[in-house]
Amino acid sequence: MFQKQTVMRKVLFSLTPLIFFSVFLYGFRSIGIFAVTFILGIFTEWLFVRKAKKKVSEAVLVSCSLYALSMPPLVPLWIVGIGIVFGISFGKMVYGGFGRNIFNPAIVGRLFIYISFPNTVNQWLNPRSLDGFAGATPLVMLKNGELPSLLNLFTGLKSGSIGEGSIVLILIAFIYLLYTKTASYKSSISTIIGFLIMQSVLYFMDLGGANPIYSLFSGSILFIAVFMVTDPVSSPKKNNSLILYGLLIGVCTSLIRTYSLFSEGTSYAILLGNMFAPLFDETVGKLKLKLKGGK
């Protein structure tokens, strides 16, 4: 049924602990989000490839996983379905399917519902709570001048999206992806560096930025640095371009978090990075080749 893609299987394997952890945190809410996302995501890609008698790519499983993990626990399932259908259709398949898409499909779907249903998708739930109590996310706490617990940030026992929060599991996944040579450390590390530099400037110069260390461990910046910035399709292809690509995403995330109405800025930053990826390859990549050739 699926087109075999070894790299995507490794990414999916690295995401598995986060998926199980999200079920531990939110129970049937997480299961419902994953069920709707995978069923409609796979079905949407199948609708596009069936006439050409092609198989559904295993990459869609990764897109569905990333999209579902980024969902708030209280989001209605019909909104979850709209987002993944839009993301797979207009973020991937309209460009010709796997390997041709310009933007990350999971981010396209996520941003579509965040823009279309802002009041509905910005409702939060404390982990392991069944009474619908809305707890403040670490990013909201930082904007209010509070500092969240570092222990909760590392373990993921805090309000937020269902599966983006456990720093421990994200770091374990990152080590696995690097060990198996599935992801490039250049784009990930440069994203973190770019974020920390800009966040430090905004914080220490009293320009409205929150504490850089707490900001790094809050929200989805580490999640996207490991799993989305490293996407081999929508990111640059040349090594030196990856550094500039990551720096751009990190800096933009910090600026959007600080000065926009949205507490999180990673999704917008990734789309901006996706837009500039071909340009980075054409300019920075060619510059490197010229320098090597001595011209």
Protein backbone atom coordinates (compact mmCIF):
# COMPACT_ATOMS: atom_id res chain seq x y z
CA MET A 1 0.00 0.00 0.00
CA PHE A 2 2.82 2.41 0.87
CA GLN A 3 5.84 3.41 -1.15
CA LYS A 4 8.88 2.27 0.85
CA GLN A 5 11.02 5.19 2.05
CA THR A 6 13.75 4.17 4.50
CA VAL A 7 14.53 7.71 5.66
CA MET A 8 10.90 8.42 6.46
CA ARG A 9 10.63 5.18 8.42
CA LYS A 10 13.53 6.26 10.60
CA VAL A 11 11.91 9.64 11.25
CA LEU A 12 8.62 7.92 12.07
CA PHE A 13 10.46 5.58 14.44
CA SER A 14 12.05 8.55 16.23
CA LEU A 15 8.61 10.12 16.66
CA THR A 16 7.04 7.00 18.18
CA PRO A 17 8.02 7.76 21.83
CA LEU A 18 6.47 11.23 21.50
CA ILE A 19 3.29 9.70 20.14
CA PHE A 20 2.99 7.27 23.06
CA PHE A 21 3.85 10.03 25.53
CA SER A 22 1.06 12.22 24.13
CA VAL A 23 -1.41 9.38 24.73
CA PHE A 24 -0.10 9.10 28.30
CA LEU A 25 -0.67 12.84 28.82
CA TYR A 26 -4.08 13.25 27.22
CA GLY A 27 -5.49 9.75 26.73
CA PHE A 28 -8.42 9.42 24.35
CA ARG A 29 -8.08 13.04 23.24
CA SER A 30 -4.71 12.22 21.68
CA ILE A 31 -5.96 8.93 20.24
CA GLY A 32 -8.84 10.74 18.55
CA ILE A 33 -6.52 13.38 17.06
CA PHE A 34 -4.14 10.74 15.70
CA ALA A 35 -6.97 8.60 14.33
CA VAL A 36 -8.59 11.48 12.41
CA THR A 37 -5.24 12.79 11.19
CA PHE A 38 -3.92 9.49 9.85
CA ILE A 39 -7.18 8.34 8.27
CA LEU A 40 -7.87 11.60 6.44
CA GLY A 41 -4.21 12.34 5.65
CA ILE A 42 -3.60 8.97 4.01
CA PHE A 43 -6.96 9.09 2.24
CA THR A 44 -6.26 12.57 0.84
CA GLU A 45 -2.93 11.52 -0.68
CA TRP A 46 -4.52 8.33 -2.03
CA LEU A 47 -7.15 10.40 -3.85
CA PHE A 48 -4.38 12.26 -5.68
CA VAL A 49 -2.25 9.23 -6.62
CA ARG A 50 -4.89 6.58 -7.37
CA LYS A 51 -5.46 7.55 -11.02
CA ALA A 52 -1.75 7.31 -11.73
CA LYS A 53 -1.78 3.92 -9.94
CA LYS A 54 0.95 5.07 -7.57
CA LYS A 55 1.39 4.10 -3.96
CA VAL A 56 0.90 6.44 -1.06
CA SER A 57 4.28 7.66 0.20
CA GLU A 58 5.45 6.78 3.69
CA ALA A 59 6.29 10.48 3.99
CA VAL A 60 2.58 11.13 4.58
CA LEU A 61 2.85 9.14 7.82
CA VAL A 62 5.56 11.52 9.02
CA SER A 63 3.51 14.56 8.01
CA CYS A 64 0.48 13.18 9.84
CA SER A 65 2.55 12.46 12.96
CA LEU A 66 4.10 15.94 13.05
CA TYR A 67 0.75 17.60 12.42
CA ALA A 68 -1.06 15.59 15.11
CA LEU A 69 1.69 16.15 17.69
CA SER A 70 1.37 19.90 17.17
CA MET A 71 -2.37 19.95 17.93
CA PRO A 72 -3.83 21.41 21.15
CA PRO A 73 -5.61 18.71 23.18
CA LEU A 74 -8.97 20.51 23.14
CA VAL A 75 -9.17 21.14 19.40
CA PRO A 76 -12.39 19.72 17.86
CA LEU A 77 -11.74 16.68 15.68
CA TRP A 78 -13.54 18.21 12.68
CA ILE A 79 -11.02 21.06 12.73
CA VAL A 80 -8.18 18.52 12.96
CA GLY A 81 -9.58 16.84 9.85
CA ILE A 82 -9.86 20.08 7.88
CA GLY A 83 -6.27 20.98 8.69
CA ILE A 84 -4.65 17.73 7.60
CA VAL A 85 -6.71 17.55 4.39
CA PHE A 86 -5.67 21.11 3.54
CA GLY A 87 -2.04 20.48 4.46
CA ILE A 88 -1.65 17.34 2.35
CA SER A 89 -3.63 18.77 -0.57
CA PHE A 90 -2.25 22.29 -0.82
CA GLY A 91 1.07 21.83 0.94
CA LYS A 92 2.15 18.75 -1.01
CA MET A 93 -0.03 17.13 -3.65
CA VAL A 94 -0.81 20.23 -5.75
CA TYR A 95 2.93 20.51 -6.37
CA GLY A 96 3.12 16.95 -7.70
CA GLY A 97 3.49 14.93 -4.52
CA PHE A 98 6.51 13.79 -2.54
CA GLY A 99 9.79 15.44 -3.47
CA ARG A 100 8.18 18.38 -5.26
CA ASN A 101 6.48 20.31 -2.48
CA ILE A 102 7.91 23.68 -1.54
CA PHE A 103 6.39 23.91 1.93
CA ASN A 104 6.21 21.50 4.84
CA PRO A 105 2.69 19.93 4.62
CA ALA A 106 2.29 19.58 8.40
CA ILE A 107 3.04 23.27 8.91
CA VAL A 108 0.70 24.29 6.09
CA GLY A 109 -2.16 22.39 7.72
CA ARG A 110 -1.35 23.65 11.19
CA LEU A 111 -1.20 27.30 10.15
CA PHE A 112 -4.40 27.01 8.13
CA ILE A 113 -6.49 26.05 11.15
CA TYR A 114 -4.67 28.48 13.47
CA ILE A 115 -5.55 31.34 11.14
CA SER A 116 -9.06 30.09 10.33
CA PHE A 117 -10.11 29.11 13.88
CA PRO A 118 -7.88 31.15 16.24
CA ASN A 119 -10.25 31.19 19.20
CA THR A 120 -11.02 27.47 18.99
CA VAL A 121 -7.50 26.10 18.67
CA ASN A 122 -5.96 28.29 21.38
CA GLN A 123 -7.59 26.45 24.26
CA TRP A 124 -5.34 24.40 26.50
CA LEU A 125 -5.63 21.56 28.95
CA ASN A 126 -3.39 20.50 31.82
CA PRO A 127 -1.89 17.03 31.23
CA ARG A 128 -3.76 14.11 32.82
CA SER A 129 -6.75 16.38 33.49
CA LEU A 130 -10.20 15.16 32.48
CA ASP A 131 -12.23 18.16 33.60
CA GLY A 132 -11.25 20.50 30.77
CA PHE A 133 -9.27 22.86 33.01
CA ALA A 134 -7.32 25.28 30.83
CA GLY A 135 -3.78 25.79 32.07
CA ALA A 136 -1.41 28.52 30.91
CA THR A 137 1.28 27.32 28.52
CA PRO A 138 4.95 28.09 29.27
CA LEU A 139 5.04 30.64 26.45
CA VAL A 140 2.06 32.49 27.90
CA MET A 141 3.74 32.42 31.30
CA LEU A 142 6.92 33.92 29.81
CA LYS A 143 4.95 36.71 28.15
CA ASN A 144 3.35 37.45 31.51
CA GLY A 145 6.76 37.70 33.17
CA GLU A 146 6.57 34.30 34.91
CA LEU A 147 9.15 31.50 34.72
CA PRO A 148 7.82 27.96 34.22
CA SER A 149 9.34 24.96 35.98
CA LEU A 150 12.45 23.68 34.18
CA LEU A 151 11.63 20.16 35.34
CA ASN A 152 8.20 20.32 33.73
CA LEU A 153 9.74 21.74 30.55
CA PHE A 154 12.19 18.86 30.28
CA THR A 155 9.67 16.15 31.07
CA GLY A 156 6.83 17.63 29.03
CA LEU A 157 4.40 17.67 31.97
CA LYS A 158 2.90 21.05 31.11
CA SER A 159 0.12 22.62 29.07
CA GLY A 160 0.65 22.89 25.34
CA SER A 161 0.36 20.84 22.19
CA ILE A 162 -0.14 17.14 22.78
CA GLY A 163 3.32 15.96 21.78
CA GLU A 164 5.83 18.77 21.21
CA GLY A 165 6.85 19.37 24.80
CA SER A 166 9.13 16.63 26.15
CA ILE A 167 12.67 17.92 25.70
CA VAL A 168 14.12 14.62 26.91
CA LEU A 169 12.33 12.62 24.21
CA ILE A 170 13.15 15.21 21.54
CA LEU A 171 16.86 15.05 22.39
CA ILE A 172 16.82 11.24 22.32
CA ALA A 173 15.18 11.38 18.89
CA PHE A 174 17.77 13.90 17.71
CA ILE A 175 20.64 11.64 18.78
CA TYR A 176 19.02 8.72 16.94
CA LEU A 177 18.50 10.75 13.76
CA LEU A 178 22.11 11.94 13.82
CA TYR A 179 23.45 8.44 14.55
CA THR A 180 21.51 6.97 11.63
CA LYS A 181 22.50 9.93 9.41
CA THR A 182 18.84 10.70 8.81
CA ALA A 183 19.01 14.40 9.70
CA SER A 184 21.59 17.15 9.27
CA TYR A 185 22.85 18.75 12.46
CA LYS A 186 23.75 21.93 10.57
CA SER A 187 20.21 23.18 10.09
CA SER A 188 19.10 22.09 13.57
CA ILE A 189 22.01 23.60 15.49
CA SER A 190 21.97 26.81 13.44
CA THR A 191 18.24 27.19 14.18
CA ILE A 192 18.93 26.96 17.90
CA ILE A 193 21.91 29.33 17.65
CA GLY A 194 19.94 31.88 15.63
CA PHE A 195 17.10 31.74 18.13
CA LEU A 196 19.36 32.11 21.17
CA ILE A 197 21.31 35.02 19.67
CA MET A 198 18.21 37.01 18.75
CA GLN A 199 16.40 36.14 21.97
CA SER A 200 19.45 37.18 24.00
CA VAL A 201 19.63 40.52 22.19
CA LEU A 202 15.94 41.18 22.82
CA TYR A 203 16.20 40.12 26.47
CA PHE A 204 19.45 41.71 27.62
CA MET A 205 18.83 44.96 25.73
CA ASP A 206 15.36 45.14 27.33
CA LEU A 207 13.54 45.08 23.98
CA GLY A 208 10.69 42.91 25.16
CA GLY A 209 12.23 39.46 24.82
CA ALA A 210 11.78 36.72 27.39
CA ASN A 211 14.56 34.80 29.12
CA PRO A 212 16.47 33.05 26.28
CA ILE A 213 17.09 29.73 28.09
CA TYR A 214 13.51 29.35 29.26
CA SER A 215 12.32 30.43 25.82
CA LEU A 216 14.43 27.74 24.15
CA PHE A 217 12.89 25.05 26.33
CA SER A 218 9.33 26.38 25.91
CA GLY A 219 7.02 25.95 22.96
CA SER A 220 8.01 24.00 19.87
CA ILE A 221 11.37 25.52 18.89
CA LEU A 222 13.35 22.36 19.73
CA PHE A 223 10.67 20.15 18.19
CA ILE A 224 10.78 21.96 14.85
CA ALA A 225 14.59 22.22 14.94
CA VAL A 226 14.84 18.43 15.11
CA PHE A 227 11.91 17.25 13.00
CA MET A 228 10.82 20.03 10.62
CA VAL A 229 13.84 22.18 9.83
CA THR A 230 15.58 18.95 8.80
CA ASP A 231 12.89 18.01 6.27
CA PRO A 232 14.93 16.96 3.19
CA VAL A 233 12.30 18.14 0.69
CA SER A 234 11.40 21.67 1.80
CA SER A 235 14.86 22.64 3.12
CA PRO A 236 17.94 23.65 1.07
CA LYS A 237 20.03 20.91 -0.49
CA LYS A 238 23.53 22.36 -0.10
CA ASN A 239 25.34 22.14 3.23
CA ASN A 240 26.32 25.79 3.57
CA SER A 241 22.77 26.84 2.68
CA LEU A 242 21.45 24.78 5.58
CA ILE A 243 23.28 26.99 8.07
CA LEU A 244 21.77 30.20 6.74
CA TYR A 245 18.38 28.47 6.49
CA GLY A 246 18.46 27.47 10.16
CA LEU A 247 19.65 30.88 11.31
CA LEU A 248 16.78 32.55 9.45
CA ILE A 249 14.19 30.29 11.07
CA GLY A 250 15.67 30.74 14.54
CA VAL A 251 15.83 34.54 14.29
CA CYS A 252 12.33 34.83 12.81
CA THR A 253 10.89 32.58 15.53
CA SER A 254 12.31 34.87 18.22
CA LEU A 255 11.03 38.04 16.54
CA ILE A 256 7.54 36.66 15.89
CA ARG A 257 7.21 35.35 19.44
CA THR A 258 8.23 38.69 20.88
CA TYR A 259 6.34 41.18 18.74
CA SER A 260 3.31 39.41 17.26
CA LEU A 261 -0.03 38.51 18.82
CA PHE A 262 0.91 34.82 18.58
CA SER A 263 2.80 33.36 21.54
CA GLU A 264 4.47 30.85 19.20
CA GLY A 265 6.30 31.77 15.98
CA THR A 266 7.84 28.56 14.70
CA SER A 267 5.25 27.75 12.03
CA TYR A 268 5.50 31.14 10.36
CA ALA A 269 9.29 31.02 10.58
CA ILE A 270 9.42 27.63 8.86
CA LEU A 271 7.24 28.82 5.98
CA LEU A 272 9.53 31.83 5.56
CA GLY A 273 12.51 29.51 5.56
CA ASN A 274 10.84 27.25 2.98
CA MET A 275 10.31 30.26 0.72
CA PHE A 276 14.00 31.20 0.83
CA ALA A 277 15.41 27.66 0.58
CA PRO A 278 15.78 27.64 -3.25
CA LEU A 279 17.32 31.12 -3.17
CA PHE A 280 19.90 30.04 -0.58
CA ASP A 281 20.92 27.11 -2.78
CA GLU A 282 21.22 29.33 -5.84
CA THR A 283 23.24 32.07 -4.15
CA VAL A 284 25.16 30.78 -1.14
CA GLY A 285 25.63 27.35 -2.69
CA LYS A 286 27.05 28.73 -5.93
CA LEU A 287 29.31 31.11 -4.04
CA LYS A 288 30.94 28.17 -2.31
CA LEU A 289 31.53 26.41 -5.60
CA LYS A 290 33.17 29.51 -7.08
CA LEU A 291 35.46 29.87 -4.10
CA LYS A 292 36.52 26.26 -4.42
CA GLY A 293 37.23 26.78 -8.09
CA GLY A 294 39.38 29.82 -7.38
CA LYS A 295 37.31 32.13 -9.57
